[in-house]
PDB file of N, CA and C in Angstrom:
ATOM      1  N   MET A   1      29.744 -18.843  -0.206  1.00  0.00           N
ATOM      2  CA  MET A   1      28.862 -18.219  -1.149  1.00  0.00           C
ATOM      3  C   MET A   1      27.466 -18.100  -0.551  1.00  0.00           C
ATOM      4  N   GLN A   2      26.895 -16.906  -0.596  1.00  0.00           N
ATOM      5  CA  GLN A   2      25.603 -16.656  -0.015  1.00  0.00           C
ATOM      6  C   GLN A   2      24.507 -16.746  -1.097  1.00  0.00           C
ATOM      7  N   LEU A   3      23.401 -17.392  -0.763  1.00  0.00           N
ATOM      8  CA  LEU A   3      22.303 -17.515  -1.689  1.00  0.00           C
ATOM      9  C   LEU A   3      21.562 -16.199  -1.839  1.00  0.00           C
ATOM     10  N   ALA A   4      21.072 -15.916  -3.024  1.00  0.00           N
ATOM     11  CA  ALA A   4      20.303 -14.700  -3.258  1.00  0.00           C
ATOM     12  C   ALA A   4      18.914 -14.823  -2.596  1.00  0.00           C
ATOM     13  N   GLU A   5      18.483 -13.742  -2.028  1.00  0.00           N
ATOM     14  CA  GLU A   5      17.165 -13.739  -1.377  1.00  0.00           C
ATOM     15  C   GLU A   5      16.073 -13.626  -2.451  1.00  0.00           C
ATOM     16  N   PRO A   6      15.009 -14.423  -2.335  1.00  0.00           N
ATOM     17  CA  PRO A   6      13.943 -14.334  -3.320  1.00  0.00           C
ATOM     18  C   PRO A   6      13.275 -12.962  -3.318  1.00  0.00           C
ATOM     19  N   GLU A   7      12.915 -12.488  -4.494  1.00  0.00           N
ATOM     20  CA  GLU A   7      12.235 -11.215  -4.625  1.00  0.00           C
ATOM     21  C   GLU A   7      10.887 -11.424  -5.289  1.00  0.00           C
ATOM     22  N   ARG A   8       9.931 -10.574  -4.944  1.00  0.00           N
ATOM     23  CA  ARG A   8       8.593 -10.624  -5.524  1.00  0.00           C
ATOM     24  C   ARG A   8       8.143  -9.197  -5.833  1.00  0.00           C
ATOM     25  N   THR A   9       7.154  -9.052  -6.684  1.00  0.00           N
ATOM     26  CA  THR A   9       6.627  -7.753  -7.081  1.00  0.00           C
ATOM     27  C   THR A   9       5.299  -7.494  -6.375  1.00  0.00           C
ATOM     28  N   CYS A  10       5.167  -6.344  -5.769  1.00  0.00           N
ATOM     29  CA  CYS A  10       3.944  -5.912  -5.107  1.00  0.00           C
ATOM     30  C   CYS A  10       2.924  -5.592  -6.205  1.00  0.00           C
ATOM     31  N   VAL A  11       1.710  -6.144  -6.094  1.00  0.00           N
ATOM     32  CA  VAL A  11       0.683  -5.858  -7.093  1.00  0.00           C
ATOM     33  C   VAL A  11       0.073  -4.466  -6.910  1.00  0.00           C
ATOM     34  N   GLY A  12       0.380  -3.805  -5.814  1.00  0.00           N
ATOM     35  CA  GLY A  12      -0.108  -2.451  -5.575  1.00  0.00           C
ATOM     36  C   GLY A  12       0.788  -1.398  -6.180  1.00  0.00           C
ATOM     37  N   CYS A  13       2.052  -1.364  -5.744  1.00  0.00           N
ATOM     38  CA  CYS A  13       2.989  -0.326  -6.217  1.00  0.00           C
ATOM     39  C   CYS A  13       3.898  -0.789  -7.341  1.00  0.00           C
ATOM     40  N   ARG A  14       3.888  -2.088  -7.628  1.00  0.00           N
ATOM     41  CA  ARG A  14       4.677  -2.691  -8.713  1.00  0.00           C
ATOM     42  C   ARG A  14       6.202  -2.627  -8.464  1.00  0.00           C
ATOM     43  N   GLN A  15       6.612  -2.439  -7.207  1.00  0.00           N
ATOM     44  CA  GLN A  15       8.032  -2.448  -6.872  1.00  0.00           C
ATOM     45  C   GLN A  15       8.466  -3.857  -6.528  1.00  0.00           C
ATOM     46  N   VAL A  16       9.689  -4.218  -6.948  1.00  0.00           N
ATOM     47  CA  VAL A  16      10.258  -5.500  -6.620  1.00  0.00           C
ATOM     48  C   VAL A  16      10.963  -5.363  -5.268  1.00  0.00           C
ATOM     49  N   LYS A  17      10.609  -6.239  -4.332  1.00  0.00           N
ATOM     50  CA  LYS A  17      11.162  -6.192  -2.987  1.00  0.00           C
ATOM     51  C   LYS A  17      11.477  -7.596  -2.505  1.00  0.00           C
ATOM     52  N   PRO A  18      12.299  -7.736  -1.458  1.00  0.00           N
ATOM     53  CA  PRO A  18      12.535  -9.065  -0.907  1.00  0.00           C
ATOM     54  C   PRO A  18      11.214  -9.685  -0.440  1.00  0.00           C
ATOM     55  N   LYS A  19      11.055 -10.964  -0.666  1.00  0.00           N
ATOM     56  CA  LYS A  19       9.829 -11.678  -0.360  1.00  0.00           C
ATOM     57  C   LYS A  19       9.414 -11.495   1.115  1.00  0.00           C
ATOM     58  N   ARG A  20      10.380 -11.463   2.023  1.00  0.00           N
ATOM     59  CA  ARG A  20      10.058 -11.376   3.447  1.00  0.00           C
ATOM     60  C   ARG A  20       9.441 -10.034   3.828  1.00  0.00           C
ATOM     61  N   GLU A  21       9.559  -9.012   2.987  1.00  0.00           N
ATOM     62  CA  GLU A  21       8.988  -7.705   3.271  1.00  0.00           C
ATOM     63  C   GLU A  21       7.535  -7.556   2.792  1.00  0.00           C
ATOM     64  N   LEU A  22       7.051  -8.548   2.081  1.00  0.00           N
ATOM     65  CA  LEU A  22       5.727  -8.509   1.495  1.00  0.00           C
ATOM     66  C   LEU A  22       4.770  -9.462   2.154  1.00  0.00           C
ATOM     67  N   VAL A  23       3.491  -9.225   1.982  1.00  0.00           N
ATOM     68  CA  VAL A  23       2.456 -10.116   2.490  1.00  0.00           C
ATOM     69  C   VAL A  23       1.909 -10.905   1.313  1.00  0.00           C
ATOM     70  N   ARG A  24       1.847 -12.210   1.428  1.00  0.00           N
ATOM     71  CA  ARG A  24       1.301 -13.035   0.350  1.00  0.00           C
ATOM     72  C   ARG A  24      -0.184 -13.256   0.623  1.00  0.00           C
ATOM     73  N   VAL A  25      -0.972 -13.093  -0.412  1.00  0.00           N
ATOM     74  CA  VAL A  25      -2.402 -13.374  -0.370  1.00  0.00           C
ATOM     75  C   VAL A  25      -2.618 -14.533  -1.332  1.00  0.00           C
ATOM     76  N   VAL A  26      -3.341 -15.553  -0.885  1.00  0.00           N
ATOM     77  CA  VAL A  26      -3.538 -16.748  -1.686  1.00  0.00           C
ATOM     78  C   VAL A  26      -5.032 -16.943  -1.977  1.00  0.00           C
ATOM     79  N   ALA A  27      -5.320 -17.409  -3.191  1.00  0.00           N
ATOM     80  CA  ALA A  27      -6.696 -17.711  -3.575  1.00  0.00           C
ATOM     81  C   ALA A  27      -7.070 -19.080  -3.003  1.00  0.00           C
ATOM     82  N   THR A  28      -8.250 -19.145  -2.388  1.00  0.00           N
ATOM     83  CA  THR A  28      -8.762 -20.398  -1.838  1.00  0.00           C
ATOM     84  C   THR A  28     -10.153 -20.640  -2.408  1.00  0.00           C
ATOM     85  N   GLU A  29     -10.736 -21.763  -2.070  1.00  0.00           N
ATOM     86  CA  GLU A  29     -12.084 -22.073  -2.541  1.00  0.00           C
ATOM     87  C   GLU A  29     -13.111 -21.079  -1.991  1.00  0.00           C
ATOM     88  N   THR A  30     -12.827 -20.491  -0.843  1.00  0.00           N
ATOM     89  CA  THR A  30     -13.775 -19.572  -0.212  1.00  0.00           C
ATOM     90  C   THR A  30     -13.453 -18.101  -0.479  1.00  0.00           C
ATOM     91  N   GLY A  31     -12.435 -17.825  -1.263  1.00  0.00           N
ATOM     92  CA  GLY A  31     -12.050 -16.440  -1.564  1.00  0.00           C
ATOM     93  C   GLY A  31     -10.554 -16.266  -1.459  1.00  0.00           C
ATOM     94  N   ALA A  32     -10.125 -15.204  -0.792  1.00  0.00           N
ATOM     95  CA  ALA A  32      -8.713 -14.902  -0.633  1.00  0.00           C
ATOM     96  C   ALA A  32      -8.373 -14.883   0.859  1.00  0.00           C
ATOM     97  N   GLU A  33      -7.186 -15.365   1.184  1.00  0.00           N
ATOM     98  CA  GLU A  33      -6.739 -15.381   2.582  1.00  0.00           C
ATOM     99  C   GLU A  33      -5.286 -14.981   2.655  1.00  0.00           C
ATOM    100  N   ALA A  34      -4.902 -14.456   3.800  1.00  0.00           N
ATOM    101  CA  ALA A  34      -3.481 -14.076   4.032  1.00  0.00           C
ATOM    102  C   ALA A  34      -2.673 -15.342   4.203  1.00  0.00           C
ATOM    103  N   ASP A  35      -1.476 -15.329   3.687  1.00  0.00           N
ATOM    104  CA  ASP A  35      -0.523 -16.434   3.831  1.00  0.00           C
ATOM    105  C   ASP A  35       0.799 -15.891   4.263  1.00  0.00           C
ATOM    106  N   LEU A  36       0.928 -15.624   5.550  1.00  0.00           N
ATOM    107  CA  LEU A  36       2.170 -15.039   6.083  1.00  0.00           C
ATOM    108  C   LEU A  36       3.325 -16.025   6.074  1.00  0.00           C
ATOM    109  N   SER A  37       3.024 -17.319   6.014  1.00  0.00           N
ATOM    110  CA  SER A  37       4.096 -18.319   5.968  1.00  0.00           C
ATOM    111  C   SER A  37       4.694 -18.350   4.556  1.00  0.00           C
ATOM    112  N   GLY A  38       3.911 -17.940   3.549  1.00  0.00           N
ATOM    113  CA  GLY A  38       4.392 -17.959   2.185  1.00  0.00           C
ATOM    114  C   GLY A  38       4.481 -19.347   1.582  1.00  0.00           C
ATOM    115  N   ARG A  39       3.849 -20.325   2.227  1.00  0.00           N
ATOM    116  CA  ARG A  39       4.003 -21.711   1.772  1.00  0.00           C
ATOM    117  C   ARG A  39       2.681 -22.410   1.458  1.00  0.00           C
ATOM    118  N   ARG A  40       1.563 -21.727   1.598  1.00  0.00           N
ATOM    119  CA  ARG A  40       0.292 -22.372   1.328  1.00  0.00           C
ATOM    120  C   ARG A  40       0.146 -22.635  -0.166  1.00  0.00           C
ATOM    121  N   PRO A  41      -0.491 -23.736  -0.522  1.00  0.00           N
ATOM    122  CA  PRO A  41      -0.685 -24.022  -1.930  1.00  0.00           C
ATOM    123  C   PRO A  41      -1.729 -23.092  -2.563  1.00  0.00           C
ATOM    124  N   GLY A  42      -1.636 -22.903  -3.835  1.00  0.00           N
ATOM    125  CA  GLY A  42      -2.605 -22.101  -4.570  1.00  0.00           C
ATOM    126  C   GLY A  42      -1.985 -20.862  -5.179  1.00  0.00           C
ATOM    127  N   ARG A  43      -2.782 -20.234  -6.017  1.00  0.00           N
ATOM    128  CA  ARG A  43      -2.368 -19.000  -6.690  1.00  0.00           C
ATOM    129  C   ARG A  43      -2.174 -17.917  -5.675  1.00  0.00           C
ATOM    130  N   GLY A  44      -1.032 -17.240  -5.730  1.00  0.00           N
ATOM    131  CA  GLY A  44      -0.751 -16.206  -4.760  1.00  0.00           C
ATOM    132  C   GLY A  44      -0.314 -14.899  -5.412  1.00  0.00           C
ATOM    133  N   ALA A  45      -0.411 -13.826  -4.656  1.00  0.00           N
ATOM    134  CA  ALA A  45       0.039 -12.514  -5.069  1.00  0.00           C
ATOM    135  C   ALA A  45       0.603 -11.812  -3.841  1.00  0.00           C
ATOM    136  N   TYR A  46       1.441 -10.842  -4.053  1.00  0.00           N
ATOM    137  CA  TYR A  46       2.137 -10.175  -2.963  1.00  0.00           C
ATOM    138  C   TYR A  46       1.796  -8.694  -2.895  1.00  0.00           C
ATOM    139  N   LEU A  47       1.698  -8.200  -1.663  1.00  0.00           N
ATOM    140  CA  LEU A  47       1.454  -6.776  -1.406  1.00  0.00           C
ATOM    141  C   LEU A  47       2.409  -6.273  -0.328  1.00  0.00           C
ATOM    142  N   CYS A  48       2.811  -5.008  -0.454  1.00  0.00           N
ATOM    143  CA  CYS A  48       3.590  -4.373   0.602  1.00  0.00           C
ATOM    144  C   CYS A  48       2.683  -4.239   1.823  1.00  0.00           C
ATOM    145  N   ARG A  49       3.252  -3.951   2.945  1.00  0.00           N
ATOM    146  CA  ARG A  49       2.468  -3.800   4.166  1.00  0.00           C
ATOM    147  C   ARG A  49       1.906  -2.378   4.322  1.00  0.00           C
ATOM    148  N   GLN A  50       2.267  -1.466   3.441  1.00  0.00           N
ATOM    149  CA  GLN A  50       1.779  -0.087   3.523  1.00  0.00           C
ATOM    150  C   GLN A  50       0.345   0.020   3.036  1.00  0.00           C
ATOM    151  N   ASP A  51      -0.435   0.858   3.722  1.00  0.00           N
ATOM    152  CA  ASP A  51      -1.841   1.072   3.332  1.00  0.00           C
ATOM    153  C   ASP A  51      -1.958   1.606   1.902  1.00  0.00           C
ATOM    154  N   ALA A  52      -1.022   2.432   1.474  1.00  0.00           N
ATOM    155  CA  ALA A  52      -1.097   2.993   0.134  1.00  0.00           C
ATOM    156  C   ALA A  52      -1.089   1.912  -0.939  1.00  0.00           C
ATOM    157  N   CYS A  53      -0.324   0.864  -0.735  1.00  0.00           N
ATOM    158  CA  CYS A  53      -0.280  -0.230  -1.703  1.00  0.00           C
ATOM    159  C   CYS A  53      -1.614  -1.000  -1.737  1.00  0.00           C
ATOM    160  N   TRP A  54      -2.204  -1.187  -0.561  1.00  0.00           N
ATOM    161  CA  TRP A  54      -3.481  -1.880  -0.467  1.00  0.00           C
ATOM    162  C   TRP A  54      -4.585  -1.063  -1.144  1.00  0.00           C
ATOM    163  N   ARG A  55      -4.552   0.249  -0.915  1.00  0.00           N
ATOM    164  CA  ARG A  55      -5.555   1.113  -1.553  1.00  0.00           C
ATOM    165  C   ARG A  55      -5.390   1.114  -3.071  1.00  0.00           C
ATOM    166  N   GLU A  56      -4.158   1.185  -3.529  1.00  0.00           N
ATOM    167  CA  GLU A  56      -3.906   1.162  -4.964  1.00  0.00           C
ATOM    168  C   GLU A  56      -4.294  -0.153  -5.604  1.00  0.00           C
ATOM    169  N   ALA A  57      -3.997  -1.255  -4.950  1.00  0.00           N
ATOM    170  CA  ALA A  57      -4.382  -2.580  -5.458  1.00  0.00           C
ATOM    171  C   ALA A  57      -5.910  -2.717  -5.526  1.00  0.00           C
ATOM    172  N   ALA A  58      -6.604  -2.158  -4.518  1.00  0.00           N
ATOM    173  CA  ALA A  58      -8.076  -2.202  -4.525  1.00  0.00           C
ATOM    174  C   ALA A  58      -8.626  -1.306  -5.638  1.00  0.00           C
ATOM    175  N   ARG A  59      -8.056  -0.139  -5.803  1.00  0.00           N
ATOM    176  CA  ARG A  59      -8.521   0.793  -6.818  1.00  0.00           C
ATOM    177  C   ARG A  59      -8.343   0.227  -8.223  1.00  0.00           C
ATOM    178  N   ARG A  60      -7.174  -0.329  -8.474  1.00  0.00           N
ATOM    179  CA  ARG A  60      -6.855  -0.867  -9.805  1.00  0.00           C
ATOM    180  C   ARG A  60      -7.354  -2.300 -10.003  1.00  0.00           C
ATOM    181  N   ARG A  61      -7.835  -2.927  -8.903  1.00  0.00           N
ATOM    182  CA  ARG A  61      -8.305  -4.326  -8.919  1.00  0.00           C
ATOM    183  C   ARG A  61      -7.190  -5.270  -9.366  1.00  0.00           C
ATOM    184  N   SER A  62      -5.942  -4.920  -9.059  1.00  0.00           N
ATOM    185  CA  SER A  62      -4.811  -5.732  -9.479  1.00  0.00           C
ATOM    186  C   SER A  62      -4.714  -7.042  -8.708  1.00  0.00           C
ATOM    187  N   LEU A  63      -5.153  -7.063  -7.449  1.00  0.00           N
ATOM    188  CA  LEU A  63      -5.161  -8.312  -6.678  1.00  0.00           C
ATOM    189  C   LEU A  63      -6.206  -9.263  -7.250  1.00  0.00           C
ATOM    190  N   ASP A  64      -7.336  -8.712  -7.650  1.00  0.00           N
ATOM    191  CA  ASP A  64      -8.379  -9.523  -8.261  1.00  0.00           C
ATOM    192  C   ASP A  64      -7.846 -10.231  -9.513  1.00  0.00           C
ATOM    193  N   ARG A  65      -7.146  -9.473 -10.363  1.00  0.00           N
ATOM    194  CA  ARG A  65      -6.607 -10.045 -11.602  1.00  0.00           C
ATOM    195  C   ARG A  65      -5.516 -11.086 -11.306  1.00  0.00           C
ATOM    196  N   ALA A  66      -4.671 -10.789 -10.366  1.00  0.00           N
ATOM    197  CA  ALA A  66      -3.575 -11.712 -10.048  1.00  0.00           C
ATOM    198  C   ALA A  66      -4.080 -13.025  -9.490  1.00  0.00           C
ATOM    199  N   LEU A  67      -5.143 -12.971  -8.688  1.00  0.00           N
ATOM    200  CA  LEU A  67      -5.679 -14.162  -8.058  1.00  0.00           C
ATOM    201  C   LEU A  67      -6.793 -14.832  -8.849  1.00  0.00           C
ATOM    202  N   HIS A  68      -7.235 -14.146  -9.929  1.00  0.00           N
ATOM    203  CA  HIS A  68      -8.350 -14.627 -10.745  1.00  0.00           C
ATOM    204  C   HIS A  68      -9.629 -14.738  -9.902  1.00  0.00           C
ATOM    205  N   LEU A  69      -9.859 -13.708  -9.065  1.00  0.00           N
ATOM    206  CA  LEU A  69     -11.033 -13.656  -8.178  1.00  0.00           C
ATOM    207  C   LEU A  69     -11.701 -12.292  -8.342  1.00  0.00           C
ATOM    208  N   LYS A  70     -12.904 -12.174  -7.839  1.00  0.00           N
ATOM    209  CA  LYS A  70     -13.573 -10.880  -7.757  1.00  0.00           C
ATOM    210  C   LYS A  70     -13.769 -10.565  -6.259  1.00  0.00           C
ATOM    211  N   LEU A  71     -12.968  -9.635  -5.751  1.00  0.00           N
ATOM    212  CA  LEU A  71     -13.009  -9.278  -4.323  1.00  0.00           C
ATOM    213  C   LEU A  71     -13.882  -8.050  -4.156  1.00  0.00           C
ATOM    214  N   ASP A  72     -14.698  -8.059  -3.095  1.00  0.00           N
ATOM    215  CA  ASP A  72     -15.498  -6.870  -2.740  1.00  0.00           C
ATOM    216  C   ASP A  72     -14.906  -6.198  -1.514  1.00  0.00           C
ATOM    217  N   SER A  73     -15.548  -5.138  -1.066  1.00  0.00           N
ATOM    218  CA  SER A  73     -15.002  -4.400   0.088  1.00  0.00           C
ATOM    219  C   SER A  73     -14.968  -5.239   1.354  1.00  0.00           C
ATOM    220  N   ASN A  74     -15.914  -6.157   1.521  1.00  0.00           N
ATOM    221  CA  ASN A  74     -15.881  -7.062   2.669  1.00  0.00           C
ATOM    222  C   ASN A  74     -14.694  -7.986   2.623  1.00  0.00           C
ATOM    223  N   ASP A  75     -14.333  -8.465   1.443  1.00  0.00           N
ATOM    224  CA  ASP A  75     -13.171  -9.324   1.295  1.00  0.00           C
ATOM    225  C   ASP A  75     -11.900  -8.579   1.681  1.00  0.00           C
ATOM    226  N   TRP A  76     -11.780  -7.305   1.238  1.00  0.00           N
ATOM    227  CA  TRP A  76     -10.607  -6.513   1.553  1.00  0.00           C
ATOM    228  C   TRP A  76     -10.498  -6.258   3.074  1.00  0.00           C
ATOM    229  N   SER A  77     -11.645  -5.958   3.688  1.00  0.00           N
ATOM    230  CA  SER A  77     -11.640  -5.739   5.149  1.00  0.00           C
ATOM    231  C   SER A  77     -11.237  -6.986   5.886  1.00  0.00           C
ATOM    232  N   ARG A  78     -11.765  -8.129   5.452  1.00  0.00           N
ATOM    233  CA  ARG A  78     -11.446  -9.414   6.099  1.00  0.00           C
ATOM    234  C   ARG A  78      -9.965  -9.755   5.930  1.00  0.00           C
ATOM    235  N   LEU A  79      -9.415  -9.498   4.727  1.00  0.00           N
ATOM    236  CA  LEU A  79      -7.998  -9.754   4.498  1.00  0.00           C
ATOM    237  C   LEU A  79      -7.125  -8.911   5.418  1.00  0.00           C
ATOM    238  N   ARG A  80      -7.409  -7.613   5.484  1.00  0.00           N
ATOM    239  CA  ARG A  80      -6.618  -6.723   6.328  1.00  0.00           C
ATOM    240  C   ARG A  80      -6.698  -7.139   7.779  1.00  0.00           C
ATOM    241  N   ALA A  81      -7.908  -7.463   8.258  1.00  0.00           N
ATOM    242  CA  ALA A  81      -8.081  -7.875   9.661  1.00  0.00           C
ATOM    243  C   ALA A  81      -7.326  -9.181   9.919  1.00  0.00           C
ATOM    244  N   GLY A  82      -7.375 -10.114   9.017  1.00  0.00           N
ATOM    245  CA  GLY A  82      -6.665 -11.383   9.172  1.00  0.00           C
ATOM    246  C   GLY A  82      -5.175 -11.202   9.194  1.00  0.00           C
ATOM    247  N   ILE A  83      -4.666 -10.337   8.361  1.00  0.00           N
ATOM    248  CA  ILE A  83      -3.231 -10.079   8.325  1.00  0.00           C
ATOM    249  C   ILE A  83      -2.775  -9.381   9.589  1.00  0.00           C
ATOM    250  N   LEU A  84      -3.528  -8.410  10.059  1.00  0.00           N
ATOM    251  CA  LEU A  84      -3.161  -7.709  11.294  1.00  0.00           C
ATOM    252  C   LEU A  84      -3.176  -8.679  12.474  1.00  0.00           C
ATOM    253  N   THR A  85      -4.161  -9.586  12.503  1.00  0.00           N
ATOM    254  CA  THR A  85      -4.246 -10.556  13.581  1.00  0.00           C
ATOM    255  C   THR A  85      -3.046 -11.502  13.563  1.00  0.00           C
ATOM    256  N   GLU A  86      -2.691 -11.990  12.371  1.00  0.00           N
ATOM    257  CA  GLU A  86      -1.544 -12.886  12.255  1.00  0.00           C
ATOM    258  C   GLU A  86      -0.253 -12.191  12.609  1.00  0.00           C
ATOM    259  N   LEU A  87      -0.084 -10.958  12.167  1.00  0.00           N
ATOM    260  CA  LEU A  87       1.136 -10.219  12.471  1.00  0.00           C
ATOM    261  C   LEU A  87       1.275  -9.988  13.985  1.00  0.00           C
ATOM    262  N   SER A  88       0.175  -9.666  14.640  1.00  0.00           N
ATOM    263  CA  SER A  88       0.244  -9.407  16.074  1.00  0.00           C
ATOM    264  C   SER A  88       0.520 -10.712  16.850  1.00  0.00           C
ATOM    265  N   SER A  89       0.006 -11.842  16.371  1.00  0.00           N
ATOM    266  CA  SER A  89       0.263 -13.105  17.054  1.00  0.00           C
ATOM    267  C   SER A  89       1.712 -13.557  16.834  1.00  0.00           C
ATOM    268  N   GLN A  90       2.305 -13.200  15.694  1.00  0.00           N
ATOM    269  CA  GLN A  90       3.695 -13.582  15.444  1.00  0.00           C
ATOM    270  C   GLN A  90       4.650 -12.716  16.273  1.00  0.00           C
ATOM    271  N   ALA A  91       4.238 -11.506  16.617  1.00  0.00           N
ATOM    272  CA  ALA A  91       5.078 -10.607  17.383  1.00  0.00           C
ATOM    273  C   ALA A  91       5.208 -11.030  18.845  1.00  0.00           C
ATOM    274  N   ARG A  92       4.313 -11.891  19.305  1.00  0.00           N
ATOM    275  CA  ARG A  92       4.345 -12.306  20.709  1.00  0.00           C
ATOM    276  C   ARG A  92       5.396 -13.307  21.002  1.00  0.00           C
TER     277      ARG A  92
END
């Protein structure tokens, strides 16, 4: 018997997808950070890796609501840069 794969909802497009296909963002004391391991403690939310989902989440402020934070454009840029850096280091 095979275990069911966990699914999560993207806060950008609202589609339910397998957890491994999404990026988890976690609320920390200093703001929001990428959690590609999916195991860091704290309130988390999930986003697809597509730019359209990130733009939609920023436009609707859905990530802000999910994390109970107020993110500005610098926070979004820092999140994207951190995720791209982590993804490229995992690919090596």
